[in-house]
């Protein structure tokens, strides 16, 4: 009886030691992994402690997201001002701080190349983004297309649209607007209409900004018949109302060609639609002192501008 009792007692002690060692081993791994150890559970219980830790993780992720959003906002501000060098320096500081940039960071950097029309610089940043194994999102492709549009490189704009499509990002309004802009900058009147038809076939609802790119390319070339045709398409075919930019484009073309009556008629139409003409339109109708404007015409438009 005594020997049996001693054996049982020894077995219990060994089991307790084994359990203590196992709990200590688990506790060590929990601490190593950044999780609360058993010592921190206290009277609150393990479930509550783990719940608190999960909340802390969420708060940390939220702080990281907020910091990333703030960084992207700064980069976008620099990009909007065309300060590509400053934007790059800011991104390098982010990387030096041990923070892995996201696609939005690179989209902002690439956009900063648009004012200078520096497509090579934009593509270098795309290469660096991929080297860091950061996946592209629609904002990156939009930025690349914007740079191509400003440079008038319609082939590059089409390339980025197709590549985005292959990545699973369907072409949207912004994509087509950049593509149409690139065609306008390049003066490609043939393909601009073809691509507009394609976006309609793809059931991408156009807006007036997209139609303005088509009107603009014809107005830039003083092809007023085609500009008028697309204004008609916008109003009666697409149900879109011409905006201030639309009128500015066609009034500029008429004034440049010396068709003052047509320009004035469009000006009055603009007012009747409740659209306030910008100062640049008044300046066009007033003339530059070298254009053929009578003194009466100049005085008339100067007085209307002052009103």
C-alpha atoms as a PDB file:
ATOM      1  CA  UNK A   1       0.000   0.000   0.000  1.00  0.00           C
ATOM      2  CA  UNK A   2       2.760   2.433   0.974  1.00  0.00           C
ATOM      3  CA  UNK A   3       4.805   1.671  -2.123  1.00  0.00           C
ATOM      4  CA  UNK A   4       1.765   2.139  -4.338  1.00  0.00           C
ATOM      5  CA  UNK A   5       1.050   5.493  -2.695  1.00  0.00           C
ATOM      6  CA  UNK A   6       4.658   6.643  -3.154  1.00  0.00           C
ATOM      7  CA  UNK A   7       4.647   5.618  -6.788  1.00  0.00           C
ATOM      8  CA  UNK A   8       1.413   7.546  -7.378  1.00  0.00           C
ATOM      9  CA  UNK A   9       2.813  10.619  -5.585  1.00  0.00           C
ATOM     10  CA  UNK A  10       5.999  10.533  -7.643  1.00  0.00           C
ATOM     11  CA  UNK A  11       3.951  10.174 -10.825  1.00  0.00           C
ATOM     12  CA  UNK A  12       1.821  13.194  -9.896  1.00  0.00           C
ATOM     13  CA  UNK A  13       4.928  15.276  -9.164  1.00  0.00           C
ATOM     14  CA  UNK A  14       6.510  14.263 -12.456  1.00  0.00           C
ATOM     15  CA  UNK A  15       3.314  15.115 -14.281  1.00  0.00           C
ATOM     16  CA  UNK A  16       3.169  18.499 -12.534  1.00  0.00           C
ATOM     17  CA  UNK A  17       6.781  19.213 -13.487  1.00  0.00           C
ATOM     18  CA  UNK A  18       6.106  18.221 -17.064  1.00  0.00           C
ATOM     19  CA  UNK A  19       3.022  20.448 -17.169  1.00  0.00           C
ATOM     20  CA  UNK A  20       4.947  23.373 -15.647  1.00  0.00           C
ATOM     21  CA  UNK A  21       7.725  22.936 -18.214  1.00  0.00           C
ATOM     22  CA  UNK A  22       5.189  22.768 -21.040  1.00  0.00           C
ATOM     23  CA  UNK A  23       3.401  25.899 -19.836  1.00  0.00           C
ATOM     24  CA  UNK A  24       6.728  27.707 -19.486  1.00  0.00           C
ATOM     25  CA  UNK A  25       7.712  26.701 -23.002  1.00  0.00           C
ATOM     26  CA  UNK A  26       4.372  27.923 -24.383  1.00  0.00           C
ATOM     27  CA  UNK A  27       4.658  31.147 -22.378  1.00  0.00           C
ATOM     28  CA  UNK A  28       8.110  31.790 -23.831  1.00  0.00           C
ATOM     29  CA  UNK A  29       6.867  31.354 -27.372  1.00  0.00           C
ATOM     30  CA  UNK A  30       3.887  33.620 -26.716  1.00  0.00           C
ATOM     31  CA  UNK A  31       6.173  36.387 -25.511  1.00  0.00           C
ATOM     32  CA  UNK A  32       8.547  35.802 -28.429  1.00  0.00           C
ATOM     33  CA  UNK A  33       5.646  36.139 -30.865  1.00  0.00           C
ATOM     34  CA  UNK A  34       4.509  39.355 -29.218  1.00  0.00           C
ATOM     35  CA  UNK A  35       1.483  37.779 -27.571  1.00  0.00           C
ATOM     36  CA  UNK A  36       0.588  38.169 -23.885  1.00  0.00           C
ATOM     37  CA  UNK A  37       2.193  35.535 -21.677  1.00  0.00           C
ATOM     38  CA  UNK A  38       0.386  33.626 -18.944  1.00  0.00           C
ATOM     39  CA  UNK A  39       1.741  36.011 -16.320  1.00  0.00           C
ATOM     40  CA  UNK A  40      -0.202  38.892 -17.856  1.00  0.00           C
ATOM     41  CA  UNK A  41      -3.530  37.101 -17.789  1.00  0.00           C
ATOM     42  CA  UNK A  42      -4.224  37.733 -14.115  1.00  0.00           C
ATOM     43  CA  UNK A  43      -7.796  37.770 -12.917  1.00  0.00           C
ATOM     44  CA  UNK A  44      -9.082  39.030 -16.263  1.00  0.00           C
ATOM     45  CA  UNK A  45      -8.809  35.624 -17.862  1.00  0.00           C
ATOM     46  CA  UNK A  46      -7.027  34.617 -21.059  1.00  0.00           C
ATOM     47  CA  UNK A  47      -9.912  35.373 -23.444  1.00  0.00           C
ATOM     48  CA  UNK A  48     -10.190  38.992 -22.337  1.00  0.00           C
ATOM     49  CA  UNK A  49      -6.428  39.488 -22.532  1.00  0.00           C
ATOM     50  CA  UNK A  50      -6.291  38.029 -26.039  1.00  0.00           C
ATOM     51  CA  UNK A  51      -9.232  40.223 -27.046  1.00  0.00           C
ATOM     52  CA  UNK A  52      -7.387  43.290 -25.762  1.00  0.00           C
ATOM     53  CA  UNK A  53      -4.306  42.274 -27.708  1.00  0.00           C
ATOM     54  CA  UNK A  54      -6.380  41.864 -30.879  1.00  0.00           C
ATOM     55  CA  UNK A  55      -7.817  45.370 -30.413  1.00  0.00           C
ATOM     56  CA  UNK A  56      -4.287  46.734 -29.959  1.00  0.00           C
ATOM     57  CA  UNK A  57      -3.278  45.082 -33.240  1.00  0.00           C
ATOM     58  CA  UNK A  58      -6.235  46.687 -35.013  1.00  0.00           C
ATOM     59  CA  UNK A  59      -5.344  50.086 -33.582  1.00  0.00           C
ATOM     60  CA  UNK A  60      -1.755  49.634 -34.742  1.00  0.00           C
ATOM     61  CA  UNK A  61      -2.896  48.755 -38.267  1.00  0.00           C
ATOM     62  CA  UNK A  62      -5.181  51.778 -38.285  1.00  0.00           C
ATOM     63  CA  UNK A  63      -2.301  54.014 -37.255  1.00  0.00           C
ATOM     64  CA  UNK A  64      -0.156  52.569 -40.040  1.00  0.00           C
ATOM     65  CA  UNK A  65      -2.945  53.139 -42.565  1.00  0.00           C
ATOM     66  CA  UNK A  66      -3.463  56.701 -41.359  1.00  0.00           C
ATOM     67  CA  UNK A  67       0.261  57.401 -41.600  1.00  0.00           C
ATOM     68  CA  UNK A  68       0.354  55.946 -45.121  1.00  0.00           C
ATOM     69  CA  UNK A  69      -2.619  58.078 -46.165  1.00  0.00           C
ATOM     70  CA  UNK A  70      -0.886  61.188 -44.817  1.00  0.00           C
ATOM     71  CA  UNK A  71       2.304  60.325 -46.697  1.00  0.00           C
ATOM     72  CA  UNK A  72       0.398  59.804 -49.945  1.00  0.00           C
ATOM     73  CA  UNK A  73      -1.393  63.142 -49.480  1.00  0.00           C
ATOM     74  CA  UNK A  74       1.957  64.918 -49.187  1.00  0.00           C
ATOM     75  CA  UNK A  75       3.282  63.155 -52.281  1.00  0.00           C
ATOM     76  CA  UNK A  76       0.143  64.035 -54.242  1.00  0.00           C
ATOM     77  CA  UNK A  77       0.472  67.690 -53.263  1.00  0.00           C
ATOM     78  CA  UNK A  78       4.052  67.723 -54.501  1.00  0.00           C
ATOM     79  CA  UNK A  79       2.998  65.910 -57.676  1.00  0.00           C
ATOM     80  CA  UNK A  80       0.242  68.446 -58.352  1.00  0.00           C
ATOM     81  CA  UNK A  81       2.859  71.198 -58.182  1.00  0.00           C
ATOM     82  CA  UNK A  82       5.164  69.292 -60.511  1.00  0.00           C
ATOM     83  CA  UNK A  83       7.845  69.000 -57.817  1.00  0.00           C
ATOM     84  CA  UNK A  84       9.100  65.592 -58.893  1.00  0.00           C
ATOM     85  CA  UNK A  85      12.489  65.941 -57.183  1.00  0.00           C
ATOM     86  CA  UNK A  86      10.914  66.836 -53.840  1.00  0.00           C
ATOM     87  CA  UNK A  87       8.400  64.004 -54.195  1.00  0.00           C
ATOM     88  CA  UNK A  88      11.204  61.525 -54.820  1.00  0.00           C
ATOM     89  CA  UNK A  89      13.174  62.788 -51.810  1.00  0.00           C
ATOM     90  CA  UNK A  90      10.075  62.381 -49.647  1.00  0.00           C
ATOM     91  CA  UNK A  91       9.576  58.808 -50.819  1.00  0.00           C
ATOM     92  CA  UNK A  92      13.231  57.965 -50.203  1.00  0.00           C
ATOM     93  CA  UNK A  93      12.841  59.232 -46.634  1.00  0.00           C
ATOM     94  CA  UNK A  94       9.848  56.953 -46.173  1.00  0.00           C
ATOM     95  CA  UNK A  95      11.839  53.960 -47.431  1.00  0.00           C
ATOM     96  CA  UNK A  96      14.879  54.899 -45.302  1.00  0.00           C
ATOM     97  CA  UNK A  97      12.594  54.904 -42.261  1.00  0.00           C
ATOM     98  CA  UNK A  98      11.962  51.212 -42.875  1.00  0.00           C
ATOM     99  CA  UNK A  99       8.462  51.691 -44.254  1.00  0.00           C
ATOM    100  CA  UNK A 100       7.541  49.716 -47.335  1.00  0.00           C
ATOM    101  CA  UNK A 101       5.680  52.033 -49.726  1.00  0.00           C
ATOM    102  CA  UNK A 102       2.374  51.051 -51.241  1.00  0.00           C
ATOM    103  CA  UNK A 103       1.018  51.353 -54.766  1.00  0.00           C
ATOM    104  CA  UNK A 104      -0.550  54.713 -53.890  1.00  0.00           C
ATOM    105  CA  UNK A 105       2.895  56.103 -52.990  1.00  0.00           C
ATOM    106  CA  UNK A 106       4.270  55.129 -56.391  1.00  0.00           C
ATOM    107  CA  UNK A 107       1.181  56.401 -58.218  1.00  0.00           C
ATOM    108  CA  UNK A 108       1.782  59.835 -56.690  1.00  0.00           C
ATOM    109  CA  UNK A 109       5.470  59.771 -57.645  1.00  0.00           C
ATOM    110  CA  UNK A 110       4.660  58.746 -61.217  1.00  0.00           C
ATOM    111  CA  UNK A 111       2.041  61.512 -61.454  1.00  0.00           C
ATOM    112  CA  UNK A 112       4.702  64.048 -60.517  1.00  0.00           C
ATOM    113  CA  UNK A 113       6.343  63.279 -63.873  1.00  0.00           C
ATOM    114  CA  UNK A 114       3.286  64.483 -65.829  1.00  0.00           C
ATOM    115  CA  UNK A 115       3.952  68.261 -65.809  1.00  0.00           C
ATOM    116  CA  UNK A 116       7.436  67.685 -67.232  1.00  0.00           C
ATOM    117  CA  UNK A 117       6.127  64.987 -69.623  1.00  0.00           C
ATOM    118  CA  UNK A 118       8.953  62.750 -68.428  1.00  0.00           C
ATOM    119  CA  UNK A 119       7.785  59.292 -69.474  1.00  0.00           C
ATOM    120  CA  UNK A 120      11.215  57.723 -68.908  1.00  0.00           C
ATOM    121  CA  UNK A 121      11.303  58.880 -65.302  1.00  0.00           C
ATOM    122  CA  UNK A 122       7.796  57.535 -64.755  1.00  0.00           C
ATOM    123  CA  UNK A 123       8.783  54.141 -66.132  1.00  0.00           C
ATOM    124  CA  UNK A 124      11.879  54.048 -63.910  1.00  0.00           C
ATOM    125  CA  UNK A 125       9.632  54.390 -60.885  1.00  0.00           C
ATOM    126  CA  UNK A 126       7.424  51.616 -62.188  1.00  0.00           C
ATOM    127  CA  UNK A 127      10.547  49.426 -62.383  1.00  0.00           C
ATOM    128  CA  UNK A 128      11.508  50.327 -58.800  1.00  0.00           C
ATOM    129  CA  UNK A 129       7.995  49.584 -57.596  1.00  0.00           C
ATOM    130  CA  UNK A 130       8.114  46.127 -59.131  1.00  0.00           C
ATOM    131  CA  UNK A 131      11.620  45.549 -57.749  1.00  0.00           C
ATOM    132  CA  UNK A 132      10.187  46.133 -54.272  1.00  0.00           C
ATOM    133  CA  UNK A 133       7.456  43.606 -55.100  1.00  0.00           C
ATOM    134  CA  UNK A 134       4.685  46.161 -54.772  1.00  0.00           C
ATOM    135  CA  UNK A 135       1.735  45.219 -56.939  1.00  0.00           C
ATOM    136  CA  UNK A 136       0.250  47.830 -59.256  1.00  0.00           C
ATOM    137  CA  UNK A 137      -3.326  48.986 -58.831  1.00  0.00           C
ATOM    138  CA  UNK A 138      -5.539  51.154 -61.086  1.00  0.00           C
ATOM    139  CA  UNK A 139      -4.080  54.363 -59.629  1.00  0.00           C
ATOM    140  CA  UNK A 140      -0.606  53.386 -60.872  1.00  0.00           C
ATOM    141  CA  UNK A 141      -1.848  52.744 -64.402  1.00  0.00           C
ATOM    142  CA  UNK A 142      -3.879  55.955 -64.351  1.00  0.00           C
ATOM    143  CA  UNK A 143      -0.720  57.835 -63.377  1.00  0.00           C
ATOM    144  CA  UNK A 144       1.275  56.220 -66.188  1.00  0.00           C
ATOM    145  CA  UNK A 145      -1.468  57.059 -68.683  1.00  0.00           C
ATOM    146  CA  UNK A 146      -1.599  60.634 -67.434  1.00  0.00           C
ATOM    147  CA  UNK A 147       2.124  61.084 -68.067  1.00  0.00           C
ATOM    148  CA  UNK A 148       1.716  59.565 -71.533  1.00  0.00           C
ATOM    149  CA  UNK A 149      -1.249  61.864 -72.204  1.00  0.00           C
ATOM    150  CA  UNK A 150       0.688  64.998 -71.295  1.00  0.00           C
ATOM    151  CA  UNK A 151       3.539  63.829 -73.511  1.00  0.00           C
ATOM    152  CA  UNK A 152       1.162  63.122 -76.391  1.00  0.00           C
ATOM    153  CA  UNK A 153       2.372  59.524 -76.463  1.00  0.00           C
ATOM    154  CA  UNK A 154      -0.830  57.738 -77.430  1.00  0.00           C
ATOM    155  CA  UNK A 155       1.007  54.450 -78.046  1.00  0.00           C
ATOM    156  CA  UNK A 156       2.231  54.401 -74.439  1.00  0.00           C
ATOM    157  CA  UNK A 157      -1.209  55.355 -73.126  1.00  0.00           C
ATOM    158  CA  UNK A 158      -2.758  52.483 -75.068  1.00  0.00           C
ATOM    159  CA  UNK A 159      -0.023  50.136 -73.828  1.00  0.00           C
ATOM    160  CA  UNK A 160      -0.732  50.965 -70.174  1.00  0.00           C
ATOM    161  CA  UNK A 161      -4.467  50.576 -70.692  1.00  0.00           C
ATOM    162  CA  UNK A 162      -3.966  47.130 -72.215  1.00  0.00           C
ATOM    163  CA  UNK A 163      -1.514  46.094 -69.499  1.00  0.00           C
ATOM    164  CA  UNK A 164      -3.945  47.185 -66.797  1.00  0.00           C
ATOM    165  CA  UNK A 165      -6.652  45.196 -68.549  1.00  0.00           C
ATOM    166  CA  UNK A 166      -4.425  42.104 -68.545  1.00  0.00           C
ATOM    167  CA  UNK A 167      -3.924  42.612 -64.802  1.00  0.00           C
ATOM    168  CA  UNK A 168      -7.682  42.448 -64.338  1.00  0.00           C
ATOM    169  CA  UNK A 169      -8.436  46.177 -64.151  1.00  0.00           C
ATOM    170  CA  UNK A 170     -11.220  47.074 -66.552  1.00  0.00           C
ATOM    171  CA  UNK A 171     -10.767  50.360 -68.453  1.00  0.00           C
ATOM    172  CA  UNK A 172     -12.804  53.100 -66.795  1.00  0.00           C
ATOM    173  CA  UNK A 173     -13.636  56.727 -67.478  1.00  0.00           C
ATOM    174  CA  UNK A 174     -10.310  57.959 -66.209  1.00  0.00           C
ATOM    175  CA  UNK A 175      -8.417  55.511 -68.417  1.00  0.00           C
ATOM    176  CA  UNK A 176     -10.276  56.580 -71.536  1.00  0.00           C
ATOM    177  CA  UNK A 177      -9.998  60.255 -70.656  1.00  0.00           C
ATOM    178  CA  UNK A 178      -6.208  59.943 -70.452  1.00  0.00           C
ATOM    179  CA  UNK A 179      -6.126  57.995 -73.711  1.00  0.00           C
ATOM    180  CA  UNK A 180      -8.286  60.561 -75.503  1.00  0.00           C
ATOM    181  CA  UNK A 181      -6.105  63.307 -74.048  1.00  0.00           C
ATOM    182  CA  UNK A 182      -2.985  61.649 -75.432  1.00  0.00           C
ATOM    183  CA  UNK A 183      -4.594  61.448 -78.873  1.00  0.00           C
ATOM    184  CA  UNK A 184      -5.620  65.094 -78.693  1.00  0.00           C
ATOM    185  CA  UNK A 185      -2.114  66.159 -77.689  1.00  0.00           C
ATOM    186  CA  UNK A 186      -0.755  64.132 -80.595  1.00  0.00           C
ATOM    187  CA  UNK A 187      -3.344  65.650 -82.964  1.00  0.00           C
ATOM    188  CA  UNK A 188      -4.611  62.200 -83.974  1.00  0.00           C
ATOM    189  CA  UNK A 189      -8.100  62.985 -85.274  1.00  0.00           C
ATOM    190  CA  UNK A 190      -8.598  59.538 -86.808  1.00  0.00           C
ATOM    191  CA  UNK A 191      -8.013  57.416 -83.725  1.00  0.00           C
ATOM    192  CA  UNK A 192      -9.704  59.784 -81.291  1.00  0.00           C
ATOM    193  CA  UNK A 193     -13.100  59.052 -82.838  1.00  0.00           C
ATOM    194  CA  UNK A 194     -12.323  55.338 -83.111  1.00  0.00           C
ATOM    195  CA  UNK A 195     -11.457  55.109 -79.415  1.00  0.00           C
ATOM    196  CA  UNK A 196     -14.559  57.052 -78.447  1.00  0.00           C
ATOM    197  CA  UNK A 197     -16.639  54.507 -80.341  1.00  0.00           C
ATOM    198  CA  UNK A 198     -14.810  51.705 -78.542  1.00  0.00           C
ATOM    199  CA  UNK A 199     -15.530  53.113 -75.106  1.00  0.00           C
ATOM    200  CA  UNK A 200     -19.196  53.296 -76.063  1.00  0.00           C
ATOM    201  CA  UNK A 201     -19.063  49.666 -77.216  1.00  0.00           C
ATOM    202  CA  UNK A 202     -17.523  48.728 -73.860  1.00  0.00           C
ATOM    203  CA  UNK A 203     -20.433  50.485 -72.142  1.00  0.00           C
ATOM    204  CA  UNK A 204     -18.222  52.983 -70.358  1.00  0.00           C
ATOM    205  CA  UNK A 205     -20.536  55.972 -69.850  1.00  0.00           C
ATOM    206  CA  UNK A 206     -18.740  59.068 -71.158  1.00  0.00           C
ATOM    207  CA  UNK A 207     -18.832  62.424 -69.435  1.00  0.00           C
ATOM    208  CA  UNK A 208     -18.413  65.897 -70.873  1.00  0.00           C
ATOM    209  CA  UNK A 209     -14.699  65.974 -70.049  1.00  0.00           C
ATOM    210  CA  UNK A 210     -14.158  63.034 -72.396  1.00  0.00           C
ATOM    211  CA  UNK A 211     -16.222  64.615 -75.167  1.00  0.00           C
ATOM    212  CA  UNK A 212     -14.253  67.838 -74.686  1.00  0.00           C
ATOM    213  CA  UNK A 213     -11.083  65.984 -75.636  1.00  0.00           C
ATOM    214  CA  UNK A 214     -12.677  65.092 -78.968  1.00  0.00           C
ATOM    215  CA  UNK A 215     -14.073  68.594 -79.486  1.00  0.00           C
ATOM    216  CA  UNK A 216     -10.724  70.036 -78.462  1.00  0.00           C
ATOM    217  CA  UNK A 217      -8.708  68.149 -81.052  1.00  0.00           C
ATOM    218  CA  UNK A 218     -10.896  69.485 -83.862  1.00  0.00           C
ATOM    219  CA  UNK A 219     -11.049  72.987 -82.374  1.00  0.00           C
ATOM    220  CA  UNK A 220      -7.252  73.005 -82.087  1.00  0.00           C
ATOM    221  CA  UNK A 221      -7.083  72.336 -85.828  1.00  0.00           C
ATOM    222  CA  UNK A 222      -9.817  74.901 -86.643  1.00  0.00           C
ATOM    223  CA  UNK A 223     -12.100  72.165 -87.957  1.00  0.00           C
ATOM    224  CA  UNK A 224     -15.196  73.867 -86.651  1.00  0.00           C
ATOM    225  CA  UNK A 225     -17.614  71.640 -88.554  1.00  0.00           C
ATOM    226  CA  UNK A 226     -16.378  68.599 -86.627  1.00  0.00           C
ATOM    227  CA  UNK A 227     -16.299  70.506 -83.341  1.00  0.00           C
ATOM    228  CA  UNK A 228     -19.931  71.526 -83.892  1.00  0.00           C
ATOM    229  CA  UNK A 229     -20.802  67.939 -84.827  1.00  0.00           C
ATOM    230  CA  UNK A 230     -19.441  66.628 -81.535  1.00  0.00           C
ATOM    231  CA  UNK A 231     -21.233  69.324 -79.563  1.00  0.00           C
ATOM    232  CA  UNK A 232     -24.408  68.063 -81.218  1.00  0.00           C
ATOM    233  CA  UNK A 233     -23.522  64.449 -80.375  1.00  0.00           C
ATOM    234  CA  UNK A 234     -22.921  65.409 -76.753  1.00  0.00           C
ATOM    235  CA  UNK A 235     -26.242  67.198 -76.379  1.00  0.00           C
ATOM    236  CA  UNK A 236     -28.622  65.099 -78.455  1.00  0.00           C
ATOM    237  CA  UNK A 237     -26.844  61.757 -78.638  1.00  0.00           C
ATOM    238  CA  UNK A 238     -25.381  61.432 -75.155  1.00  0.00           C
ATOM    239  CA  UNK A 239     -27.592  63.783 -73.182  1.00  0.00           C
ATOM    240  CA  UNK A 240     -24.598  65.780 -71.938  1.00  0.00           C
ATOM    241  CA  UNK A 241     -24.681  69.540 -71.499  1.00  0.00           C
ATOM    242  CA  UNK A 242     -21.690  71.550 -72.759  1.00  0.00           C
ATOM    243  CA  UNK A 243     -19.713  73.071 -69.905  1.00  0.00           C
ATOM    244  CA  UNK A 244     -17.416  76.075 -69.567  1.00  0.00           C
ATOM    245  CA  UNK A 245     -14.498  74.167 -71.090  1.00  0.00           C
ATOM    246  CA  UNK A 246     -16.581  73.180 -74.121  1.00  0.00           C
ATOM    247  CA  UNK A 247     -17.520  76.757 -74.897  1.00  0.00           C
ATOM    248  CA  UNK A 248     -14.008  77.985 -74.235  1.00  0.00           C
ATOM    249  CA  UNK A 249     -12.618  75.513 -76.778  1.00  0.00           C
ATOM    250  CA  UNK A 250     -14.963  76.476 -79.600  1.00  0.00           C
ATOM    251  CA  UNK A 251     -14.994  80.217 -78.843  1.00  0.00           C
ATOM    252  CA  UNK A 252     -11.190  80.193 -78.838  1.00  0.00           C
ATOM    253  CA  UNK A 253     -11.104  78.473 -82.223  1.00  0.00           C
ATOM    254  CA  UNK A 254     -13.631  80.887 -83.766  1.00  0.00           C
ATOM    255  CA  UNK A 255     -11.877  83.944 -82.344  1.00  0.00           C
ATOM    256  CA  UNK A 256      -8.507  82.683 -83.530  1.00  0.00           C
ATOM    257  CA  UNK A 257      -9.913  82.163 -87.035  1.00  0.00           C
ATOM    258  CA  UNK A 258     -11.497  85.623 -87.073  1.00  0.00           C
ATOM    259  CA  UNK A 259     -15.075  84.311 -86.906  1.00  0.00           C
ATOM    260  CA  UNK A 260     -16.189  86.847 -84.317  1.00  0.00           C
ATOM    261  CA  UNK A 261     -19.901  86.565 -85.024  1.00  0.00           C
ATOM    262  CA  UNK A 262     -19.859  82.831 -84.335  1.00  0.00           C
ATOM    263  CA  UNK A 263     -17.747  83.387 -81.230  1.00  0.00           C
ATOM    264  CA  UNK A 264     -20.148  86.028 -79.909  1.00  0.00           C
ATOM    265  CA  UNK A 265     -23.146  83.813 -80.633  1.00  0.00           C
ATOM    266  CA  UNK A 266     -21.594  80.989 -78.626  1.00  0.00           C
ATOM    267  CA  UNK A 267     -20.779  83.443 -75.847  1.00  0.00           C
ATOM    268  CA  UNK A 268     -24.442  84.452 -75.586  1.00  0.00           C
ATOM    269  CA  UNK A 269     -25.452  80.790 -75.671  1.00  0.00           C
ATOM    270  CA  UNK A 270     -23.023  80.150 -72.844  1.00  0.00           C
ATOM    271  CA  UNK A 271     -24.644  82.869 -70.748  1.00  0.00           C
ATOM    272  CA  UNK A 272     -28.137  81.569 -71.509  1.00  0.00           C
ATOM    273  CA  UNK A 273     -27.080  78.193 -70.085  1.00  0.00           C
ATOM    274  CA  UNK A 274     -26.137  79.871 -66.827  1.00  0.00           C
ATOM    275  CA  UNK A 275     -22.414  79.295 -67.350  1.00  0.00           C
ATOM    276  CA  UNK A 276     -20.131  82.101 -66.254  1.00  0.00           C
ATOM    277  CA  UNK A 277     -17.461  82.792 -68.882  1.00  0.00           C
ATOM    278  CA  UNK A 278     -13.891  82.848 -67.581  1.00  0.00           C
ATOM    279  CA  UNK A 279     -11.777  85.965 -67.985  1.00  0.00           C
ATOM    280  CA  UNK A 280      -9.783  84.284 -70.757  1.00  0.00           C
ATOM    281  CA  UNK A 281     -12.891  84.194 -72.975  1.00  0.00           C
ATOM    282  CA  UNK A 282     -13.422  87.935 -72.553  1.00  0.00           C
ATOM    283  CA  UNK A 283      -9.768  88.452 -73.420  1.00  0.00           C
ATOM    284  CA  UNK A 284     -10.206  86.449 -76.625  1.00  0.00           C
ATOM    285  CA  UNK A 285     -13.165  88.537 -77.730  1.00  0.00           C
ATOM    286  CA  UNK A 286     -11.452  91.798 -76.771  1.00  0.00           C
ATOM    287  CA  UNK A 287      -8.371  90.901 -78.798  1.00  0.00           C
ATOM    288  CA  UNK A 288      -4.693  91.500 -78.231  1.00  0.00           C
ATOM    289  CA  UNK A 289      -4.336  94.882 -79.935  1.00  0.00           C
ATOM    290  CA  UNK A 290      -3.062  93.328 -83.152  1.00  0.00           C
ATOM    291  CA  UNK A 291      -6.150  91.406 -84.197  1.00  0.00           C
ATOM    292  CA  UNK A 292      -8.837  92.915 -86.378  1.00  0.00           C
ATOM    293  CA  UNK A 293     -11.177  94.386 -83.803  1.00  0.00           C
ATOM    294  CA  UNK A 294     -12.962  97.681 -84.159  1.00  0.00           C
ATOM    295  CA  UNK A 295     -12.664 100.185 -81.352  1.00  0.00           C
ATOM    296  CA  UNK A 296     -16.359  99.705 -80.669  1.00  0.00           C
ATOM    297  CA  UNK A 297     -15.912  95.911 -80.344  1.00  0.00           C
ATOM    298  CA  UNK A 298     -13.006  96.279 -77.949  1.00  0.00           C
ATOM    299  CA  UNK A 299     -14.863  98.785 -75.785  1.00  0.00           C
ATOM    300  CA  UNK A 300     -17.991  96.615 -75.782  1.00  0.00           C
ATOM    301  CA  UNK A 301     -16.205  93.534 -74.510  1.00  0.00           C
ATOM    302  CA  UNK A 302     -14.125  95.482 -72.017  1.00  0.00           C
ATOM    303  CA  UNK A 303     -17.281  96.986 -70.533  1.00  0.00           C
ATOM    304  CA  UNK A 304     -18.995  93.591 -70.389  1.00  0.00           C
ATOM    305  CA  UNK A 305     -15.979  92.101 -68.670  1.00  0.00           C
ATOM    306  CA  UNK A 306     -16.056  94.831 -66.021  1.00  0.00           C
ATOM    307  CA  UNK A 307     -19.708  94.061 -65.324  1.00  0.00           C
END
